[in-house]
Amino acid sequence: CPGGRTTPHQPRNLNYPSFGAHVEEGKKINLKFTRTVTNV
């Protein structure tokens, strides 16, 4: 890991072809996912 420690990088921002996140029960949902697509 950078600096040998865990990072604040959000796992949900892995450039994966689906979007998923765990949320706490009853809490308002406010999520953002970043993705990059490549033209083939």
Full PDB file with SEQRES, HELIX, SHEET, SSBOND, CRYST1, ORIGX, SCALE, CONECT and MASTER records, all heavy atoms in Angstrom:
SEQRES   1 A   40  CYS PRO GLY GLY ARG THR THR PRO HIS GLN PRO ARG ASN          
SEQRES   2 A   40  LEU ASN TYR PRO SER PHE GLY ALA HIS VAL GLU GLU GLY          
SEQRES   3 A   40  LYS LYS ILE ASN LEU LYS PHE THR ARG THR VAL THR ASN          
SEQRES   4 A   40  VAL                                                          
HELIX    1 AA1 PRO A    2  GLY A    4  5                                   3    
HELIX    2 AA2 PRO A   11  ASN A   13  5                                   3    
CRYST1    1.000    1.000    1.000  90.00  90.00  90.00 P 1           1          
ORIGX1      1.000000  0.000000  0.000000        0.00000                         
ORIGX2      0.000000  1.000000  0.000000        0.00000                         
ORIGX3      0.000000  0.000000  1.000000        0.00000                         
SCALE1      1.000000  0.000000  0.000000        0.00000                         
SCALE2      0.000000  1.000000  0.000000        0.00000                         
SCALE3      0.000000  0.000000  1.000000        0.00000                         
ATOM      1  N   CYS A   1       0.838  -1.191   0.000  1.00  0.00           N  
ATOM      2  CA  CYS A   1       0.000   0.000   0.000  1.00  0.00           C  
ATOM      3  C   CYS A   1       0.882   1.254   0.000  1.00  0.00           C  
ATOM      4  O   CYS A   1       1.991   1.222   0.532  1.00  0.00           O  
ATOM      5  CB  CYS A   1      -0.895   0.024   1.244  1.00  0.00           C  
ATOM      6  SG  CYS A   1      -2.040  -1.355   1.347  1.00  0.00           S  
ATOM      7  N   PRO A   2       0.422   2.347  -0.567  1.00  0.00           N  
ATOM      8  CA  PRO A   2       1.197   3.593  -0.530  1.00  0.00           C  
ATOM      9  C   PRO A   2       1.539   3.969   0.905  1.00  0.00           C  
ATOM     10  O   PRO A   2       0.661   4.043   1.758  1.00  0.00           O  
ATOM     11  CB  PRO A   2       0.241   4.611  -1.159  1.00  0.00           C  
ATOM     12  CG  PRO A   2      -0.647   3.792  -2.042  1.00  0.00           C  
ATOM     13  CD  PRO A   2      -0.828   2.490  -1.315  1.00  0.00           C  
ATOM     14  N   GLY A   3       2.825   4.158   1.190  1.00  0.00           N  
ATOM     15  CA  GLY A   3       3.246   4.489   2.540  1.00  0.00           C  
ATOM     16  C   GLY A   3       3.203   3.314   3.494  1.00  0.00           C  
ATOM     17  O   GLY A   3       3.436   3.472   4.694  1.00  0.00           O  
ATOM     18  N   GLY A   4       2.880   2.129   2.969  1.00  0.00           N  
ATOM     19  CA  GLY A   4       2.826   0.933   3.799  1.00  0.00           C  
ATOM     20  C   GLY A   4       1.561   0.790   4.607  1.00  0.00           C  
ATOM     21  O   GLY A   4       1.422  -0.127   5.405  1.00  0.00           O  
ATOM     22  N   ARG A   5       0.616   1.707   4.414  1.00  0.00           N  
ATOM     23  CA  ARG A   5      -0.610   1.678   5.210  1.00  0.00           C  
ATOM     24  C   ARG A   5      -1.836   1.595   4.317  1.00  0.00           C  
ATOM     25  O   ARG A   5      -1.764   1.758   3.104  1.00  0.00           O  
ATOM     26  CB  ARG A   5      -0.702   2.937   6.078  1.00  0.00           C  
ATOM     27  CG  ARG A   5       0.459   3.104   7.048  1.00  0.00           C  
ATOM     28  CD  ARG A   5       0.288   4.370   7.862  1.00  0.00           C  
ATOM     29  NE  ARG A   5       1.377   4.542   8.817  1.00  0.00           N  
ATOM     30  CZ  ARG A   5       1.469   5.564   9.651  1.00  0.00           C  
ATOM     31  NH1 ARG A   5       0.530   6.509   9.651  1.00  0.00           N  
ATOM     32  NH2 ARG A   5       2.481   5.646  10.475  1.00  0.00           N  
ATOM     33  N   THR A   6      -2.954   1.350   4.968  1.00  0.00           N  
ATOM     34  CA  THR A   6      -4.209   1.381   4.228  1.00  0.00           C  
ATOM     35  C   THR A   6      -4.449   2.791   3.711  1.00  0.00           C  
ATOM     36  O   THR A   6      -3.899   3.760   4.218  1.00  0.00           O  
ATOM     37  CB  THR A   6      -5.390   0.942   5.117  1.00  0.00           C  
ATOM     38  OG1 THR A   6      -5.434   1.804   6.258  1.00  0.00           O  
ATOM     39  CG2 THR A   6      -5.225  -0.496   5.568  1.00  0.00           C  
ATOM     40  N   THR A   7      -5.268   2.925   2.695  1.00  0.00           N  
ATOM     41  CA  THR A   7      -5.480   4.216   2.050  1.00  0.00           C  
ATOM     42  C   THR A   7      -6.947   4.611   2.125  1.00  0.00           C  
ATOM     43  O   THR A   7      -7.829   3.759   2.331  1.00  0.00           O  
ATOM     44  CB  THR A   7      -5.067   4.154   0.568  1.00  0.00           C  
ATOM     45  OG1 THR A   7      -6.030   3.361  -0.144  1.00  0.00           O  
ATOM     46  CG2 THR A   7      -3.688   3.542   0.402  1.00  0.00           C  
ATOM     47  N   PRO A   8      -7.233   5.905   1.924  1.00  0.00           N  
ATOM     48  CA  PRO A   8      -8.633   6.346   1.925  1.00  0.00           C  
ATOM     49  C   PRO A   8      -9.353   6.042   0.614  1.00  0.00           C  
ATOM     50  O   PRO A   8     -10.492   6.420   0.437  1.00  0.00           O  
ATOM     51  CB  PRO A   8      -8.501   7.861   2.140  1.00  0.00           C  
ATOM     52  CG  PRO A   8      -7.175   8.209   1.554  1.00  0.00           C  
ATOM     53  CD  PRO A   8      -6.294   7.029   1.848  1.00  0.00           C  
ATOM     54  N   HIS A   9      -8.680   5.356  -0.296  1.00  0.00           N  
ATOM     55  CA  HIS A   9      -9.298   5.005  -1.575  1.00  0.00           C  
ATOM     56  C   HIS A   9     -10.578   4.194  -1.334  1.00  0.00           C  
ATOM     57  O   HIS A   9     -10.567   3.211  -0.598  1.00  0.00           O  
ATOM     58  CB  HIS A   9      -8.323   4.186  -2.419  1.00  0.00           C  
ATOM     59  CG  HIS A   9      -8.867   3.762  -3.743  1.00  0.00           C  
ATOM     60  ND1 HIS A   9      -8.913   4.597  -4.833  1.00  0.00           N  
ATOM     61  CD2 HIS A   9      -9.393   2.587  -4.151  1.00  0.00           C  
ATOM     62  CE1 HIS A   9      -9.445   3.953  -5.853  1.00  0.00           C  
ATOM     63  NE2 HIS A   9      -9.742   2.728  -5.468  1.00  0.00           N  
ATOM     64  N   GLN A  10     -11.665   4.614  -1.940  1.00  0.00           N  
ATOM     65  CA  GLN A  10     -12.930   3.912  -1.760  1.00  0.00           C  
ATOM     66  C   GLN A  10     -12.962   2.643  -2.606  1.00  0.00           C  
ATOM     67  O   GLN A  10     -12.814   2.707  -3.831  1.00  0.00           O  
ATOM     68  CB  GLN A  10     -14.098   4.822  -2.166  1.00  0.00           C  
ATOM     69  CG  GLN A  10     -14.337   5.975  -1.206  1.00  0.00           C  
ATOM     70  CD  GLN A  10     -15.013   5.499   0.070  1.00  0.00           C  
ATOM     71  OE1 GLN A  10     -15.381   4.340   0.204  1.00  0.00           O  
ATOM     72  NE2 GLN A  10     -15.164   6.405   1.009  1.00  0.00           N  
ATOM     73  N   PRO A  11     -13.159   1.473  -2.004  1.00  0.00           N  
ATOM     74  CA  PRO A  11     -13.213   0.234  -2.782  1.00  0.00           C  
ATOM     75  C   PRO A  11     -14.264   0.278  -3.884  1.00  0.00           C  
ATOM     76  O   PRO A  11     -14.080  -0.342  -4.931  1.00  0.00           O  
ATOM     77  CB  PRO A  11     -13.544  -0.826  -1.728  1.00  0.00           C  
ATOM     78  CG  PRO A  11     -13.051  -0.254  -0.445  1.00  0.00           C  
ATOM     79  CD  PRO A  11     -13.274   1.223  -0.558  1.00  0.00           C  
ATOM     80  N   ARG A  12     -15.360   1.018  -3.658  1.00  0.00           N  
ATOM     81  CA  ARG A  12     -16.418   1.044  -4.674  1.00  0.00           C  
ATOM     82  C   ARG A  12     -15.998   1.772  -5.946  1.00  0.00           C  
ATOM     83  O   ARG A  12     -16.711   1.730  -6.942  1.00  0.00           O  
ATOM     84  CB  ARG A  12     -17.692   1.667  -4.103  1.00  0.00           C  
ATOM     85  CG  ARG A  12     -17.594   3.119  -3.688  1.00  0.00           C  
ATOM     86  CD  ARG A  12     -18.975   3.641  -3.285  1.00  0.00           C  
ATOM     87  NE  ARG A  12     -18.949   5.001  -2.779  1.00  0.00           N  
ATOM     88  CZ  ARG A  12     -18.844   5.325  -1.489  1.00  0.00           C  
ATOM     89  NH1 ARG A  12     -18.776   4.367  -0.575  1.00  0.00           N  
ATOM     90  NH2 ARG A  12     -18.814   6.582  -1.104  1.00  0.00           N  
ATOM     91  N   ASN A  13     -14.816   2.448  -5.922  1.00  0.00           N  
ATOM     92  CA  ASN A  13     -14.338   3.136  -7.109  1.00  0.00           C  
ATOM     93  C   ASN A  13     -13.399   2.285  -7.960  1.00  0.00           C  
ATOM     94  O   ASN A  13     -12.814   2.788  -8.923  1.00  0.00           O  
ATOM     95  CB  ASN A  13     -13.649   4.452  -6.729  1.00  0.00           C  
ATOM     96  CG  ASN A  13     -14.648   5.512  -6.305  1.00  0.00           C  
ATOM     97  OD1 ASN A  13     -15.793   5.519  -6.760  1.00  0.00           O  
ATOM     98  ND2 ASN A  13     -14.240   6.407  -5.420  1.00  0.00           N  
ATOM     99  N   LEU A  14     -13.245   1.008  -7.609  1.00  0.00           N  
ATOM    100  CA  LEU A  14     -12.537   0.109  -8.513  1.00  0.00           C  
ATOM    101  C   LEU A  14     -13.245   0.152  -9.866  1.00  0.00           C  
ATOM    102  O   LEU A  14     -14.482   0.129  -9.933  1.00  0.00           O  
ATOM    103  CB  LEU A  14     -12.559  -1.324  -7.966  1.00  0.00           C  
ATOM    104  CG  LEU A  14     -11.928  -2.397  -8.855  1.00  0.00           C  
ATOM    105  CD1 LEU A  14     -10.423  -2.203  -8.968  1.00  0.00           C  
ATOM    106  CD2 LEU A  14     -12.241  -3.795  -8.314  1.00  0.00           C  
ATOM    107  N   ASN A  15     -12.472   0.214 -10.947  1.00  0.00           N  
ATOM    108  CA  ASN A  15     -13.070   0.380 -12.283  1.00  0.00           C  
ATOM    109  C   ASN A  15     -13.694  -0.925 -12.769  1.00  0.00           C  
ATOM    110  O   ASN A  15     -13.214  -1.577 -13.697  1.00  0.00           O  
ATOM    111  CB  ASN A  15     -12.015   0.871 -13.273  1.00  0.00           C  
ATOM    112  CG  ASN A  15     -12.645   1.596 -14.452  1.00  0.00           C  
ATOM    113  OD1 ASN A  15     -13.574   2.382 -14.287  1.00  0.00           O  
ATOM    114  ND2 ASN A  15     -12.151   1.316 -15.641  1.00  0.00           N  
ATOM    115  N   TYR A  16     -14.797  -1.279 -12.131  1.00  0.00           N  
ATOM    116  CA  TYR A  16     -15.482  -2.552 -12.343  1.00  0.00           C  
ATOM    117  C   TYR A  16     -16.786  -2.298 -13.109  1.00  0.00           C  
ATOM    118  O   TYR A  16     -17.386  -1.228 -12.947  1.00  0.00           O  
ATOM    119  CB  TYR A  16     -15.768  -3.186 -10.976  1.00  0.00           C  
ATOM    120  CG  TYR A  16     -16.046  -4.661 -11.002  1.00  0.00           C  
ATOM    121  CD1 TYR A  16     -15.018  -5.575 -11.225  1.00  0.00           C  
ATOM    122  CD2 TYR A  16     -17.331  -5.149 -10.793  1.00  0.00           C  
ATOM    123  CE1 TYR A  16     -15.272  -6.936 -11.237  1.00  0.00           C  
ATOM    124  CE2 TYR A  16     -17.592  -6.516 -10.810  1.00  0.00           C  
ATOM    125  CZ  TYR A  16     -16.562  -7.402 -11.030  1.00  0.00           C  
ATOM    126  OH  TYR A  16     -16.815  -8.749 -11.053  1.00  0.00           O  
ATOM    127  N   PRO A  17     -17.260  -3.259 -13.904  1.00  0.00           N  
ATOM    128  CA  PRO A  17     -18.448  -3.025 -14.742  1.00  0.00           C  
ATOM    129  C   PRO A  17     -19.775  -3.103 -13.997  1.00  0.00           C  
ATOM    130  O   PRO A  17     -20.831  -3.193 -14.629  1.00  0.00           O  
ATOM    131  CB  PRO A  17     -18.377  -4.150 -15.793  1.00  0.00           C  
ATOM    132  CG  PRO A  17     -17.036  -4.774 -15.631  1.00  0.00           C  
ATOM    133  CD  PRO A  17     -16.607  -4.531 -14.228  1.00  0.00           C  
ATOM    134  N   SER A  18     -19.764  -3.091 -12.679  1.00  0.00           N  
ATOM    135  CA  SER A  18     -20.998  -3.023 -11.912  1.00  0.00           C  
ATOM    136  C   SER A  18     -20.773  -2.066 -10.746  1.00  0.00           C  
ATOM    137  O   SER A  18     -19.643  -1.658 -10.468  1.00  0.00           O  
ATOM    138  CB  SER A  18     -21.428  -4.404 -11.403  1.00  0.00           C  
ATOM    139  OG  SER A  18     -20.457  -4.919 -10.506  1.00  0.00           O  
ATOM    140  N   PHE A  19     -21.867  -1.731 -10.057  1.00  0.00           N  
ATOM    141  CA  PHE A  19     -21.802  -0.758  -8.973  1.00  0.00           C  
ATOM    142  C   PHE A  19     -22.504  -1.346  -7.752  1.00  0.00           C  
ATOM    143  O   PHE A  19     -23.665  -1.749  -7.846  1.00  0.00           O  
ATOM    144  CB  PHE A  19     -22.504   0.543  -9.375  1.00  0.00           C  
ATOM    145  CG  PHE A  19     -22.001   1.141 -10.663  1.00  0.00           C  
ATOM    146  CD1 PHE A  19     -22.430   0.649 -11.890  1.00  0.00           C  
ATOM    147  CD2 PHE A  19     -21.095   2.192 -10.644  1.00  0.00           C  
ATOM    148  CE1 PHE A  19     -21.960   1.198 -13.087  1.00  0.00           C  
ATOM    149  CE2 PHE A  19     -20.627   2.752 -11.828  1.00  0.00           C  
ATOM    150  CZ  PHE A  19     -21.059   2.248 -13.047  1.00  0.00           C  
ATOM    151  N   GLY A  20     -21.815  -1.391  -6.628  1.00  0.00           N  
ATOM    152  CA  GLY A  20     -22.439  -1.947  -5.433  1.00  0.00           C  
ATOM    153  C   GLY A  20     -21.873  -1.330  -4.181  1.00  0.00           C  
ATOM    154  O   GLY A  20     -20.691  -0.975  -4.117  1.00  0.00           O  
ATOM    155  N   ALA A  21     -22.711  -1.187  -3.164  1.00  0.00           N  
ATOM    156  CA  ALA A  21     -22.243  -0.632  -1.893  1.00  0.00           C  
ATOM    157  C   ALA A  21     -23.153  -1.068  -0.758  1.00  0.00           C  
ATOM    158  O   ALA A  21     -24.377  -1.177  -0.922  1.00  0.00           O  
ATOM    159  CB  ALA A  21     -22.188   0.894  -1.957  1.00  0.00           C  
ATOM    160  N   HIS A  22     -22.537  -1.314   0.398  1.00  0.00           N  
ATOM    161  CA  HIS A  22     -23.289  -1.603   1.614  1.00  0.00           C  
ATOM    162  C   HIS A  22     -23.639  -0.296   2.301  1.00  0.00           C  
ATOM    163  O   HIS A  22     -22.825   0.626   2.352  1.00  0.00           O  
ATOM    164  CB  HIS A  22     -22.454  -2.478   2.552  1.00  0.00           C  
ATOM    165  CG  HIS A  22     -23.125  -2.766   3.846  1.00  0.00           C  
ATOM    166  ND1 HIS A  22     -22.931  -1.994   4.979  1.00  0.00           N  
ATOM    167  CD2 HIS A  22     -24.004  -3.737   4.202  1.00  0.00           C  
ATOM    168  CE1 HIS A  22     -23.645  -2.482   5.968  1.00  0.00           C  
ATOM    169  NE2 HIS A  22     -24.312  -3.541   5.524  1.00  0.00           N  
ATOM    170  N   VAL A  23     -24.874  -0.193   2.802  1.00  0.00           N  
ATOM    171  CA  VAL A  23     -25.310   1.001   3.534  1.00  0.00           C  
ATOM    172  C   VAL A  23     -25.879   0.566   4.884  1.00  0.00           C  
ATOM    173  O   VAL A  23     -26.333  -0.562   5.048  1.00  0.00           O  
ATOM    174  CB  VAL A  23     -26.367   1.807   2.747  1.00  0.00           C  
ATOM    175  CG1 VAL A  23     -25.777   2.365   1.467  1.00  0.00           C  
ATOM    176  CG2 VAL A  23     -27.589   0.941   2.446  1.00  0.00           C  
ATOM    177  N   GLU A  24     -25.860   1.481   5.832  1.00  0.00           N  
ATOM    178  CA  GLU A  24     -26.410   1.179   7.144  1.00  0.00           C  
ATOM    179  C   GLU A  24     -27.933   1.229   7.112  1.00  0.00           C  
ATOM    180  O   GLU A  24     -28.532   2.083   6.451  1.00  0.00           O  
ATOM    181  CB  GLU A  24     -25.888   2.169   8.179  1.00  0.00           C  
ATOM    182  CG  GLU A  24     -24.406   2.026   8.477  1.00  0.00           C  
ATOM    183  CD  GLU A  24     -23.985   2.923   9.615  1.00  0.00           C  
ATOM    184  OE1 GLU A  24     -24.682   2.935  10.655  1.00  0.00           O  
ATOM    185  OE2 GLU A  24     -22.976   3.620   9.467  1.00  0.00           O  
ATOM    186  N   GLU A  25     -28.528   0.309   7.812  1.00  0.00           N  
ATOM    187  CA  GLU A  25     -29.991   0.231   7.885  1.00  0.00           C  
ATOM    188  C   GLU A  25     -30.580   1.554   8.378  1.00  0.00           C  
ATOM    189  O   GLU A  25     -30.135   2.115   9.379  1.00  0.00           O  
ATOM    190  CB  GLU A  25     -30.386  -0.900   8.835  1.00  0.00           C  
ATOM    191  CG  GLU A  25     -31.873  -1.032   9.075  1.00  0.00           C  
ATOM    192  CD  GLU A  25     -32.178  -2.005  10.196  1.00  0.00           C  
ATOM    193  OE1 GLU A  25     -31.265  -2.779  10.572  1.00  0.00           O  
ATOM    194  OE2 GLU A  25     -33.311  -1.975  10.706  1.00  0.00           O  
ATOM    195  N   GLY A  26     -31.565   2.077   7.659  1.00  0.00           N  
ATOM    196  CA  GLY A  26     -32.278   3.275   8.062  1.00  0.00           C  
ATOM    197  C   GLY A  26     -31.569   4.586   7.800  1.00  0.00           C  
ATOM    198  O   GLY A  26     -32.157   5.653   8.011  1.00  0.00           O  
ATOM    199  N   LYS A  27     -30.308   4.546   7.361  1.00  0.00           N  
ATOM    200  CA  LYS A  27     -29.556   5.773   7.101  1.00  0.00           C  
ATOM    201  C   LYS A  27     -29.799   6.243   5.663  1.00  0.00           C  
ATOM    202  O   LYS A  27     -29.917   5.430   4.742  1.00  0.00           O  
ATOM    203  CB  LYS A  27     -28.059   5.529   7.304  1.00  0.00           C  
ATOM    204  CG  LYS A  27     -27.680   5.222   8.745  1.00  0.00           C  
ATOM    205  CD  LYS A  27     -27.786   6.467   9.614  1.00  0.00           C  
ATOM    206  CE  LYS A  27     -27.288   6.213  11.037  1.00  0.00           C  
ATOM    207  NZ  LYS A  27     -25.838   5.971  11.095  1.00  0.00           N  
ATOM    208  N   LYS A  28     -29.847   7.565   5.489  1.00  0.00           N  
ATOM    209  CA  LYS A  28     -30.017   8.117   4.151  1.00  0.00           C  
ATOM    210  C   LYS A  28     -28.859   7.672   3.254  1.00  0.00           C  
ATOM    211  O   LYS A  28     -27.705   7.596   3.682  1.00  0.00           O  
ATOM    212  CB  LYS A  28     -30.093   9.646   4.198  1.00  0.00           C  
ATOM    213  CG  LYS A  28     -31.431  10.177   4.709  1.00  0.00           C  
ATOM    214  CD  LYS A  28     -31.509  11.683   4.557  1.00  0.00           C  
ATOM    215  CE  LYS A  28     -32.886  12.216   4.972  1.00  0.00           C  
ATOM    216  NZ  LYS A  28     -33.965  11.712   4.098  1.00  0.00           N  
ATOM    217  N   ILE A  29     -29.188   7.405   2.008  1.00  0.00           N  
ATOM    218  CA  ILE A  29     -28.199   6.923   1.051  1.00  0.00           C  
ATOM    219  C   ILE A  29     -27.671   8.104   0.240  1.00  0.00           C  
ATOM    220  O   ILE A  29     -28.450   8.891  -0.311  1.00  0.00           O  
ATOM    221  CB  ILE A  29     -28.828   5.883   0.106  1.00  0.00           C  
ATOM    222  CG1 ILE A  29     -29.340   4.681   0.909  1.00  0.00           C  
ATOM    223  CG2 ILE A  29     -27.826   5.430  -0.950  1.00  0.00           C  
ATOM    224  CD1 ILE A  29     -30.238   3.764   0.100  1.00  0.00           C  
ATOM    225  N   ASN A  30     -26.355   8.224   0.196  1.00  0.00           N  
ATOM    226  CA  ASN A  30     -25.723   9.272  -0.599  1.00  0.00           C  
ATOM    227  C   ASN A  30     -24.355   8.752  -1.052  1.00  0.00           C  
ATOM    228  O   ASN A  30     -23.369   8.874  -0.343  1.00  0.00           O  
ATOM    229  CB  ASN A  30     -25.580  10.567   0.202  1.00  0.00           C  
ATOM    230  CG  ASN A  30     -25.113  11.728  -0.661  1.00  0.00           C  
ATOM    231  OD1 ASN A  30     -24.874  11.569  -1.857  1.00  0.00           O  
ATOM    232  ND2 ASN A  30     -24.979  12.895  -0.065  1.00  0.00           N  
ATOM    233  N   LEU A  31     -24.340   8.134  -2.227  1.00  0.00           N  
ATOM    234  CA  LEU A  31     -23.145   7.455  -2.714  1.00  0.00           C  
ATOM    235  C   LEU A  31     -22.705   8.013  -4.058  1.00  0.00           C  
ATOM    236  O   LEU A  31     -23.537   8.466  -4.857  1.00  0.00           O  
ATOM    237  CB  LEU A  31     -23.421   5.958  -2.884  1.00  0.00           C  
ATOM    238  CG  LEU A  31     -23.865   5.174  -1.654  1.00  0.00           C  
ATOM    239  CD1 LEU A  31     -24.399   3.815  -2.079  1.00  0.00           C  
ATOM    240  CD2 LEU A  31     -22.717   5.013  -0.673  1.00  0.00           C  
ATOM    241  N   LYS A  32     -21.406   7.940  -4.308  1.00  0.00           N  
ATOM    242  CA  LYS A  32     -20.861   8.301  -5.616  1.00  0.00           C  
ATOM    243  C   LYS A  32     -19.883   7.218  -6.062  1.00  0.00           C  
ATOM    244  O   LYS A  32     -19.104   6.707  -5.251  1.00  0.00           O  
ATOM    245  CB  LYS A  32     -20.149   9.659  -5.570  1.00  0.00           C  
ATOM    246  CG  LYS A  32     -21.092  10.843  -5.391  1.00  0.00           C  
ATOM    247  CD  LYS A  32     -20.351  12.160  -5.497  1.00  0.00           C  
ATOM    248  CE  LYS A  32     -21.286  13.353  -5.255  1.00  0.00           C  
ATOM    249  NZ  LYS A  32     -22.349  13.444  -6.264  1.00  0.00           N  
ATOM    250  N   PHE A  33     -19.955   6.883  -7.326  1.00  0.00           N  
ATOM    251  CA  PHE A  33     -19.056   5.905  -7.938  1.00  0.00           C  
ATOM    252  C   PHE A  33     -18.373   6.572  -9.131  1.00  0.00           C  
ATOM    253  O   PHE A  33     -19.049   7.181  -9.961  1.00  0.00           O  
ATOM    254  CB  PHE A  33     -19.813   4.680  -8.456  1.00  0.00           C  
ATOM    255  CG  PHE A  33     -20.640   3.959  -7.430  1.00  0.00           C  
ATOM    256  CD1 PHE A  33     -21.924   4.390  -7.117  1.00  0.00           C  
ATOM    257  CD2 PHE A  33     -20.146   2.826  -6.800  1.00  0.00           C  
ATOM    258  CE1 PHE A  33     -22.706   3.708  -6.196  1.00  0.00           C  
ATOM    259  CE2 PHE A  33     -20.918   2.134  -5.880  1.00  0.00           C  
ATOM    260  CZ  PHE A  33     -22.200   2.580  -5.571  1.00  0.00           C  
ATOM    261  N   THR A  34     -17.069   6.421  -9.230  1.00  0.00           N  
ATOM    262  CA  THR A  34     -16.323   6.950 -10.376  1.00  0.00           C  
ATOM    263  C   THR A  34     -15.883   5.797 -11.270  1.00  0.00           C  
ATOM    264  O   THR A  34     -15.362   4.792 -10.780  1.00  0.00           O  
ATOM    265  CB  THR A  34     -15.090   7.730  -9.909  1.00  0.00           C  
ATOM    266  OG1 THR A  34     -15.498   8.818  -9.073  1.00  0.00           O  
ATOM    267  CG2 THR A  34     -14.323   8.297 -11.101  1.00  0.00           C  
ATOM    268  N   ARG A  35     -16.113   5.955 -12.566  1.00  0.00           N  
ATOM    269  CA  ARG A  35     -15.721   4.930 -13.526  1.00  0.00           C  
ATOM    270  C   ARG A  35     -15.096   5.564 -14.764  1.00  0.00           C  
ATOM    271  O   ARG A  35     -15.373   6.726 -15.095  1.00  0.00           O  
ATOM    272  CB  ARG A  35     -16.938   4.089 -13.963  1.00  0.00           C  
ATOM    273  CG  ARG A  35     -17.542   3.226 -12.878  1.00  0.00           C  
ATOM    274  CD  ARG A  35     -16.637   2.090 -12.465  1.00  0.00           C  
ATOM    275  NE  ARG A  35     -17.301   1.157 -11.578  1.00  0.00           N  
ATOM    276  CZ  ARG A  35     -17.366   1.292 -10.252  1.00  0.00           C  
ATOM    277  NH1 ARG A  35     -16.801   2.347  -9.671  1.00  0.00           N  
ATOM    278  NH2 ARG A  35     -17.972   0.400  -9.514  1.00  0.00           N  
ATOM    279  N   THR A  36     -14.278   4.759 -15.456  1.00  0.00           N  
ATOM    280  CA  THR A  36     -13.671   5.170 -16.719  1.00  0.00           C  
ATOM    281  C   THR A  36     -13.891   4.071 -17.742  1.00  0.00           C  
ATOM    282  O   THR A  36     -13.640   2.894 -17.448  1.00  0.00           O  
ATOM    283  CB  THR A  36     -12.161   5.424 -16.553  1.00  0.00           C  
ATOM    284  OG1 THR A  36     -11.959   6.476 -15.609  1.00  0.00           O  
ATOM    285  CG2 THR A  36     -11.530   5.822 -17.884  1.00  0.00           C  
ATOM    286  N   VAL A  37     -14.369   4.435 -18.915  1.00  0.00           N  
ATOM    287  CA  VAL A  37     -14.568   3.462 -19.986  1.00  0.00           C  
ATOM    288  C   VAL A  37     -13.592   3.749 -21.126  1.00  0.00           C  
ATOM    289  O   VAL A  37     -13.227   4.900 -21.368  1.00  0.00           O  
ATOM    290  CB  VAL A  37     -16.018   3.462 -20.516  1.00  0.00           C  
ATOM    291  CG1 VAL A  37     -16.943   2.770 -19.543  1.00  0.00           C  
ATOM    292  CG2 VAL A  37     -16.507   4.876 -20.807  1.00  0.00           C  
ATOM    293  N   THR A  38     -13.186   2.687 -21.800  1.00  0.00           N  
ATOM    294  CA  THR A  38     -12.245   2.779 -22.912  1.00  0.00           C  
ATOM    295  C   THR A  38     -12.935   2.361 -24.197  1.00  0.00           C  
ATOM    296  O   THR A  38     -13.593   1.315 -24.242  1.00  0.00           O  
ATOM    297  CB  THR A  38     -11.029   1.868 -22.667  1.00  0.00           C  
ATOM    298  OG1 THR A  38     -10.408   2.226 -21.429  1.00  0.00           O  
ATOM    299  CG2 THR A  38     -10.014   1.990 -23.796  1.00  0.00           C  
ATOM    300  N   ASN A  39     -12.781   3.158 -25.230  1.00  0.00           N  
ATOM    301  CA  ASN A  39     -13.377   2.850 -26.525  1.00  0.00           C  
ATOM    302  C   ASN A  39     -12.575   1.752 -27.220  1.00  0.00           C  
ATOM    303  O   ASN A  39     -11.379   1.908 -27.472  1.00  0.00           O  
ATOM    304  CB  ASN A  39     -13.393   4.112 -27.393  1.00  0.00           C  
ATOM    305  CG  ASN A  39     -14.035   3.874 -28.742  1.00  0.00           C  
ATOM    306  OD1 ASN A  39     -14.951   3.066 -28.869  1.00  0.00           O  
ATOM    307  ND2 ASN A  39     -13.565   4.575 -29.767  1.00  0.00           N  
ATOM    308  N   VAL A  40     -13.206   0.627 -27.528  1.00  0.00           N  
ATOM    309  CA  VAL A  40     -12.527  -0.466 -28.227  1.00  0.00           C  
ATOM    310  C   VAL A  40     -13.094  -0.666 -29.628  1.00  0.00           C  
ATOM    311  O   VAL A  40     -12.849  -1.677 -30.277  1.00  0.00           O  
ATOM    312  CB  VAL A  40     -12.616  -1.786 -27.425  1.00  0.00           C  
ATOM    313  CG1 VAL A  40     -11.792  -1.686 -26.153  1.00  0.00           C  
ATOM    314  CG2 VAL A  40     -14.062  -2.150 -27.099  1.00  0.00           C  
TER     315      VAL A  40                                                      
MASTER        0    0    0    2    0    0    0    6  314    1    0    4          
END                                                                             
